[in-house]
PDB file of N, CA and C in Angstrom:
ATOM      1  N   MET A   1      95.830  32.067-106.614  1.00  0.00           N
ATOM      2  CA  MET A   1      94.919  32.875-106.306  1.00  0.00           C
ATOM      3  C   MET A   1      93.683  32.306-106.036  1.00  0.00           C
ATOM      4  N   VAL A   2      93.137  32.591-104.631  1.00  0.00           N
ATOM      5  CA  VAL A   2      92.023  31.856-104.022  1.00  0.00           C
ATOM      6  C   VAL A   2      90.675  32.522-104.482  1.00  0.00           C
ATOM      7  N   LEU A   3      89.705  31.962-105.005  1.00  0.00           N
ATOM      8  CA  LEU A   3      88.407  32.421-105.279  1.00  0.00           C
ATOM      9  C   LEU A   3      87.630  32.799-104.122  1.00  0.00           C
ATOM     10  N   GLU A   4      86.878  34.068-104.150  1.00  0.00           N
ATOM     11  CA  GLU A   4      86.227  34.159-102.878  1.00  0.00           C
ATOM     12  C   GLU A   4      84.773  33.407-103.141  1.00  0.00           C
ATOM     13  N   GLN A   5      84.223  32.857-102.152  1.00  0.00           N
ATOM     14  CA  GLN A   5      83.050  31.813-102.101  1.00  0.00           C
ATOM     15  C   GLN A   5      82.116  32.998-101.820  1.00  0.00           C
ATOM     16  N   LYS A   6      80.979  33.075-102.993  1.00  0.00           N
ATOM     17  CA  LYS A   6      79.962  33.765-103.120  1.00  0.00           C
ATOM     18  C   LYS A   6      78.842  33.438-102.172  1.00  0.00           C
ATOM     19  N   PHE A   7      78.503  32.156-102.158  1.00  0.00           N
ATOM     20  CA  PHE A   7      77.398  31.977-101.236  1.00  0.00           C
ATOM     21  C   PHE A   7      77.862  30.954-100.276  1.00  0.00           C
ATOM     22  N   PRO A   8      77.133  31.016 -98.897  1.00  0.00           N
ATOM     23  CA  PRO A   8      77.384  29.954 -97.722  1.00  0.00           C
ATOM     24  C   PRO A   8      76.855  28.637 -98.315  1.00  0.00           C
ATOM     25  N   ARG A   9      77.248  27.655 -97.532  1.00  0.00           N
ATOM     26  CA  ARG A   9      76.911  26.213 -97.590  1.00  0.00           C
ATOM     27  C   ARG A   9      75.658  25.905 -96.782  1.00  0.00           C
ATOM     28  N   ILE A  10      74.578  25.776 -97.319  1.00  0.00           N
ATOM     29  CA  ILE A  10      73.498  25.682 -96.625  1.00  0.00           C
ATOM     30  C   ILE A  10      72.861  24.343 -96.848  1.00  0.00           C
ATOM     31  N   THR A  11      71.989  23.704 -95.744  1.00  0.00           N
ATOM     32  CA  THR A  11      71.244  22.438 -95.973  1.00  0.00           C
ATOM     33  C   THR A  11      70.072  22.560 -97.108  1.00  0.00           C
ATOM     34  N   LEU A  12      69.803  21.649 -97.532  1.00  0.00           N
ATOM     35  CA  LEU A  12      68.729  21.452 -98.633  1.00  0.00           C
ATOM     36  C   LEU A  12      67.530  22.189 -98.014  1.00  0.00           C
ATOM     37  N   GLU A  13      67.042  21.786 -97.076  1.00  0.00           N
ATOM     38  CA  GLU A  13      65.983  22.452 -96.367  1.00  0.00           C
ATOM     39  C   GLU A  13      65.971  24.065 -96.182  1.00  0.00           C
ATOM     40  N   ALA A  14      67.217  24.533 -95.984  1.00  0.00           N
ATOM     41  CA  ALA A  14      67.559  25.953 -95.685  1.00  0.00           C
ATOM     42  C   ALA A  14      67.531  26.600 -97.245  1.00  0.00           C
ATOM     43  N   ALA A  15      67.590  25.901 -97.977  1.00  0.00           N
ATOM     44  CA  ALA A  15      67.705  26.374 -99.655  1.00  0.00           C
ATOM     45  C   ALA A  15      66.045  26.329 -99.787  1.00  0.00           C
ATOM     46  N   ARG A  16      65.383  25.658 -99.378  1.00  0.00           N
ATOM     47  CA  ARG A  16      64.049  26.006 -99.766  1.00  0.00           C
ATOM     48  C   ARG A  16      63.274  26.939 -98.776  1.00  0.00           C
ATOM     49  N   VAL A  17      63.643  27.041 -97.745  1.00  0.00           N
ATOM     50  CA  VAL A  17      63.019  27.868 -96.894  1.00  0.00           C
ATOM     51  C   VAL A  17      63.231  29.305 -97.500  1.00  0.00           C
ATOM     52  N   ASN A  18      64.775  29.217 -97.855  1.00  0.00           N
ATOM     53  CA  ASN A  18      65.278  30.686 -98.287  1.00  0.00           C
ATOM     54  C   ASN A  18      64.450  31.278 -99.673  1.00  0.00           C
ATOM     55  N   ALA A  19      63.995  30.047-100.289  1.00  0.00           N
ATOM     56  CA  ALA A  19      63.201  30.338-101.561  1.00  0.00           C
ATOM     57  C   ALA A  19      61.604  30.649-101.291  1.00  0.00           C
ATOM     58  N   HIS A  20      61.292  30.721-100.088  1.00  0.00           N
ATOM     59  CA  HIS A  20      59.952  30.922 -99.559  1.00  0.00           C
ATOM     60  C   HIS A  20      59.079  29.881-100.008  1.00  0.00           C
ATOM     61  N   LEU A  21      59.373  28.689 -99.902  1.00  0.00           N
ATOM     62  CA  LEU A  21      58.505  27.508-100.362  1.00  0.00           C
ATOM     63  C   LEU A  21      58.156  26.658 -99.507  1.00  0.00           C
ATOM     64  N   SER A  22      57.144  26.086 -99.245  1.00  0.00           N
ATOM     65  CA  SER A  22      56.755  25.161 -98.118  1.00  0.00           C
ATOM     66  C   SER A  22      57.390  23.681 -98.868  1.00  0.00           C
ATOM     67  N   GLN A  23      57.279  22.792 -98.126  1.00  0.00           N
ATOM     68  CA  GLN A  23      57.625  21.585 -98.434  1.00  0.00           C
ATOM     69  C   GLN A  23      56.643  21.094 -99.576  1.00  0.00           C
ATOM     70  N   LYS A  24      55.324  20.975 -99.212  1.00  0.00           N
ATOM     71  CA  LYS A  24      54.456  20.864-100.283  1.00  0.00           C
ATOM     72  C   LYS A  24      54.557  21.544-101.490  1.00  0.00           C
ATOM     73  N   ASP A  25      54.779  22.637-101.679  1.00  0.00           N
ATOM     74  CA  ASP A  25      54.748  23.471-102.824  1.00  0.00           C
ATOM     75  C   ASP A  25      56.005  23.155-103.532  1.00  0.00           C
ATOM     76  N   ALA A  26      57.413  22.872-102.745  1.00  0.00           N
ATOM     77  CA  ALA A  26      58.516  22.538-103.524  1.00  0.00           C
ATOM     78  C   ALA A  26      58.507  21.098-103.863  1.00  0.00           C
ATOM     79  N   ALA A  27      57.914  20.284-103.214  1.00  0.00           N
ATOM     80  CA  ALA A  27      57.515  19.034-103.970  1.00  0.00           C
ATOM     81  C   ALA A  27      57.043  19.038-105.327  1.00  0.00           C
ATOM     82  N   ARG A  28      55.903  19.423-105.191  1.00  0.00           N
ATOM     83  CA  ARG A  28      54.901  19.860-106.239  1.00  0.00           C
ATOM     84  C   ARG A  28      55.697  20.260-107.478  1.00  0.00           C
ATOM     85  N   MET A  29      56.565  21.263-107.517  1.00  0.00           N
ATOM     86  CA  MET A  29      57.284  21.894-108.254  1.00  0.00           C
ATOM     87  C   MET A  29      58.376  21.059-108.817  1.00  0.00           C
ATOM     88  N   LEU A  30      58.904  20.148-108.010  1.00  0.00           N
ATOM     89  CA  LEU A  30      60.104  19.167-108.324  1.00  0.00           C
ATOM     90  C   LEU A  30      59.295  17.955-109.056  1.00  0.00           C
ATOM     91  N   GLY A  31      57.911  17.656-108.602  1.00  0.00           N
ATOM     92  CA  GLY A  31      57.433  16.562-109.468  1.00  0.00           C
ATOM     93  C   GLY A  31      57.299  15.240-108.700  1.00  0.00           C
ATOM     94  N   ILE A  32      57.985  15.632-107.105  1.00  0.00           N
ATOM     95  CA  ILE A  32      57.783  14.325-106.325  1.00  0.00           C
ATOM     96  C   ILE A  32      56.771  14.614-104.991  1.00  0.00           C
ATOM     97  N   ASN A  33      56.810  13.322-104.473  1.00  0.00           N
ATOM     98  CA  ASN A  33      56.081  13.424-103.392  1.00  0.00           C
ATOM     99  C   ASN A  33      56.696  13.959-101.955  1.00  0.00           C
ATOM    100  N   PRO A  34      55.614  14.955-101.326  1.00  0.00           N
ATOM    101  CA  PRO A  34      56.396  15.782-100.160  1.00  0.00           C
ATOM    102  C   PRO A  34      57.111  14.610 -99.241  1.00  0.00           C
ATOM    103  N   ALA A  35      56.789  13.356 -98.995  1.00  0.00           N
ATOM    104  CA  ALA A  35      57.481  12.504 -98.187  1.00  0.00           C
ATOM    105  C   ALA A  35      58.649  12.297 -98.737  1.00  0.00           C
ATOM    106  N   THR A  36      58.881  12.232 -99.971  1.00  0.00           N
ATOM    107  CA  THR A  36      60.355  12.023-100.714  1.00  0.00           C
ATOM    108  C   THR A  36      61.049  13.225-100.382  1.00  0.00           C
ATOM    109  N   LEU A  37      60.655  14.293-100.432  1.00  0.00           N
ATOM    110  CA  LEU A  37      61.282  15.799-100.249  1.00  0.00           C
ATOM    111  C   LEU A  37      61.881  15.658 -98.652  1.00  0.00           C
ATOM    112  N   ALA A  38      60.969  15.211 -97.920  1.00  0.00           N
ATOM    113  CA  ALA A  38      61.181  15.291 -96.577  1.00  0.00           C
ATOM    114  C   ALA A  38      62.376  14.296 -96.257  1.00  0.00           C
ATOM    115  N   ASN A  39      62.368  13.227 -96.806  1.00  0.00           N
ATOM    116  CA  ASN A  39      63.463  12.113 -96.761  1.00  0.00           C
ATOM    117  C   ASN A  39      64.791  12.726 -97.487  1.00  0.00           C
ATOM    118  N   TYR A  40      64.958  13.495 -98.273  1.00  0.00           N
ATOM    119  CA  TYR A  40      66.035  14.132 -98.941  1.00  0.00           C
ATOM    120  C   TYR A  40      66.373  14.875 -97.801  1.00  0.00           C
ATOM    121  N   GLU A  41      65.446  16.312 -97.213  1.00  0.00           N
ATOM    122  CA  GLU A  41      65.941  17.063 -96.278  1.00  0.00           C
ATOM    123  C   GLU A  41      66.656  16.401 -95.033  1.00  0.00           C
ATOM    124  N   SER A  42      65.970  15.359 -94.362  1.00  0.00           N
ATOM    125  CA  SER A  42      66.278  14.797 -93.283  1.00  0.00           C
ATOM    126  C   SER A  42      67.769  14.157 -93.524  1.00  0.00           C
ATOM    127  N   GLY A  43      68.042  13.780 -94.590  1.00  0.00           N
ATOM    128  CA  GLY A  43      69.235  13.047 -95.105  1.00  0.00           C
ATOM    129  C   GLY A  43      69.060  11.298 -95.299  1.00  0.00           C
ATOM    130  N   LYS A  44      67.758  11.216 -94.822  1.00  0.00           N
ATOM    131  CA  LYS A  44      67.485   9.542 -95.061  1.00  0.00           C
ATOM    132  C   LYS A  44      67.660   8.984 -96.388  1.00  0.00           C
ATOM    133  N   THR A  45      67.626  10.070 -97.564  1.00  0.00           N
ATOM    134  CA  THR A  45      67.988   9.501 -98.824  1.00  0.00           C
ATOM    135  C   THR A  45      68.592  10.661 -99.575  1.00  0.00           C
ATOM    136  N   ILE A  46      69.569  10.275-100.470  1.00  0.00           N
ATOM    137  CA  ILE A  46      70.176  11.585-101.246  1.00  0.00           C
ATOM    138  C   ILE A  46      69.376  11.412-102.548  1.00  0.00           C
ATOM    139  N   PRO A  47      69.071  12.603-103.242  1.00  0.00           N
ATOM    140  CA  PRO A  47      68.543  12.732-104.428  1.00  0.00           C
ATOM    141  C   PRO A  47      69.586  12.424-105.534  1.00  0.00           C
ATOM    142  N   GLN A  48      69.012  11.820-106.621  1.00  0.00           N
ATOM    143  CA  GLN A  48      69.990  11.891-107.719  1.00  0.00           C
ATOM    144  C   GLN A  48      70.386  13.002-108.426  1.00  0.00           C
ATOM    145  N   TRP A  49      71.383  13.471-109.201  1.00  0.00           N
ATOM    146  CA  TRP A  49      71.870  14.666-109.642  1.00  0.00           C
ATOM    147  C   TRP A  49      70.787  15.372-110.444  1.00  0.00           C
ATOM    148  N   ASP A  50      69.955  14.448-111.260  1.00  0.00           N
ATOM    149  CA  ASP A  50      69.077  15.285-112.157  1.00  0.00           C
ATOM    150  C   ASP A  50      68.209  16.207-111.107  1.00  0.00           C
ATOM    151  N   MET A  51      67.716  15.418-110.019  1.00  0.00           N
ATOM    152  CA  MET A  51      66.945  16.224-109.152  1.00  0.00           C
ATOM    153  C   MET A  51      67.592  17.308-108.245  1.00  0.00           C
ATOM    154  N   VAL A  52      68.800  17.241-108.149  1.00  0.00           N
ATOM    155  CA  VAL A  52      69.347  18.191-107.420  1.00  0.00           C
ATOM    156  C   VAL A  52      69.394  19.338-108.384  1.00  0.00           C
ATOM    157  N   HIS A  53      69.843  19.096-109.605  1.00  0.00           N
ATOM    158  CA  HIS A  53      69.844  20.214-110.709  1.00  0.00           C
ATOM    159  C   HIS A  53      68.457  21.041-110.773  1.00  0.00           C
ATOM    160  N   LYS A  54      67.237  20.013-110.608  1.00  0.00           N
ATOM    161  CA  LYS A  54      65.680  20.658-110.631  1.00  0.00           C
ATOM    162  C   LYS A  54      65.837  21.442-109.309  1.00  0.00           C
ATOM    163  N   MET A  55      66.320  21.137-108.257  1.00  0.00           N
ATOM    164  CA  MET A  55      66.249  21.876-107.004  1.00  0.00           C
ATOM    165  C   MET A  55      66.855  23.064-107.072  1.00  0.00           C
ATOM    166  N   GLU A  56      68.092  23.322-107.649  1.00  0.00           N
ATOM    167  CA  GLU A  56      68.929  24.157-107.936  1.00  0.00           C
ATOM    168  C   GLU A  56      68.035  25.464-108.522  1.00  0.00           C
ATOM    169  N   LYS A  57      67.508  24.777-109.756  1.00  0.00           N
ATOM    170  CA  LYS A  57      66.562  25.916-110.707  1.00  0.00           C
ATOM    171  C   LYS A  57      65.091  26.295-109.825  1.00  0.00           C
ATOM    172  N   VAL A  58      64.549  25.600-109.011  1.00  0.00           N
ATOM    173  CA  VAL A  58      63.571  26.073-108.247  1.00  0.00           C
ATOM    174  C   VAL A  58      63.986  26.854-107.111  1.00  0.00           C
ATOM    175  N   TYR A  59      64.864  26.372-106.422  1.00  0.00           N
ATOM    176  CA  TYR A  59      65.303  27.160-105.241  1.00  0.00           C
ATOM    177  C   TYR A  59      66.122  28.393-105.670  1.00  0.00           C
ATOM    178  N   GLY A  60      66.649  28.309-106.894  1.00  0.00           N
ATOM    179  CA  GLY A  60      67.285  29.657-107.138  1.00  0.00           C
ATOM    180  C   GLY A  60      68.789  29.801-106.384  1.00  0.00           C
ATOM    181  N   PHE A  61      69.481  28.541-105.798  1.00  0.00           N
ATOM    182  CA  PHE A  61      70.583  28.692-105.143  1.00  0.00           C
ATOM    183  C   PHE A  61      71.643  27.569-105.814  1.00  0.00           C
ATOM    184  N   PRO A  62      72.852  27.902-106.081  1.00  0.00           N
ATOM    185  CA  PRO A  62      73.843  26.747-106.733  1.00  0.00           C
ATOM    186  C   PRO A  62      73.878  25.436-105.906  1.00  0.00           C
ATOM    187  N   ALA A  63      73.650  24.201-106.633  1.00  0.00           N
ATOM    188  CA  ALA A  63      73.784  23.035-106.195  1.00  0.00           C
ATOM    189  C   ALA A  63      75.141  22.732-105.464  1.00  0.00           C
ATOM    190  N   ASP A  64      76.119  23.462-105.808  1.00  0.00           N
ATOM    191  CA  ASP A  64      77.443  23.279-105.355  1.00  0.00           C
ATOM    192  C   ASP A  64      77.632  23.751-103.916  1.00  0.00           C
ATOM    193  N   PHE A  65      76.694  24.508-103.481  1.00  0.00           N
ATOM    194  CA  PHE A  65      76.482  25.260-101.932  1.00  0.00           C
ATOM    195  C   PHE A  65      75.362  24.499-101.091  1.00  0.00           C
ATOM    196  N   ILE A  66      74.850  23.416-101.563  1.00  0.00           N
ATOM    197  CA  ILE A  66      73.751  22.861-100.878  1.00  0.00           C
ATOM    198  C   ILE A  66      74.361  21.434-100.373  1.00  0.00           C
ATOM    199  N   ILE A  67      74.121  21.371 -99.166  1.00  0.00           N
ATOM    200  CA  ILE A  67      74.487  20.253 -98.204  1.00  0.00           C
ATOM    201  C   ILE A  67      73.450  19.361 -98.586  1.00  0.00           C
ATOM    202  N   LEU A  68      73.573  18.205 -98.942  1.00  0.00           N
ATOM    203  CA  LEU A  68      72.707  17.266 -99.180  1.00  0.00           C
ATOM    204  C   LEU A  68      72.542  15.903 -98.261  1.00  0.00           C
ATOM    205  N   SER A  69      73.676  16.107 -97.268  1.00  0.00           N
ATOM    206  CA  SER A  69      73.243  15.043 -96.259  1.00  0.00           C
ATOM    207  C   SER A  69      73.774  15.548 -94.955  1.00  0.00           C
ATOM    208  N   ARG A  70      73.068  15.170 -93.712  1.00  0.00           N
ATOM    209  CA  ARG A  70      73.365  15.568 -92.582  1.00  0.00           C
ATOM    210  C   ARG A  70      74.865  15.132 -92.268  1.00  0.00           C
ATOM    211  N   ASP A  71      75.328  14.182 -92.628  1.00  0.00           N
ATOM    212  CA  ASP A  71      76.639  13.481 -92.353  1.00  0.00           C
ATOM    213  C   ASP A  71      77.499  14.696 -93.027  1.00  0.00           C
ATOM    214  N   SER A  72      77.080  15.582 -93.906  1.00  0.00           N
ATOM    215  CA  SER A  72      78.032  16.551 -94.359  1.00  0.00           C
ATOM    216  C   SER A  72      78.432  17.922 -93.654  1.00  0.00           C
ATOM    217  N   LEU A  73      77.495  17.880 -92.548  1.00  0.00           N
ATOM    218  CA  LEU A  73      77.685  19.106 -91.826  1.00  0.00           C
ATOM    219  C   LEU A  73      78.751  19.164 -90.868  1.00  0.00           C
TER     220      LEU A  73
END
């Protein structure tokens, strides 16, 4: 039996935007510099799993469906 996917796969930036957060506000809530968040969103760097789980909570979107790298598109 194939389980139906409940959430679409979206980029990290889209998850933030869908949560109605600016990059500055999201970075503050995550405890990181806005430039670090910009690097994550651009795929320049990949966040550690503990940060991904923080993002999941802040953005209200399951981490399993967030694309963390532009190479994954």
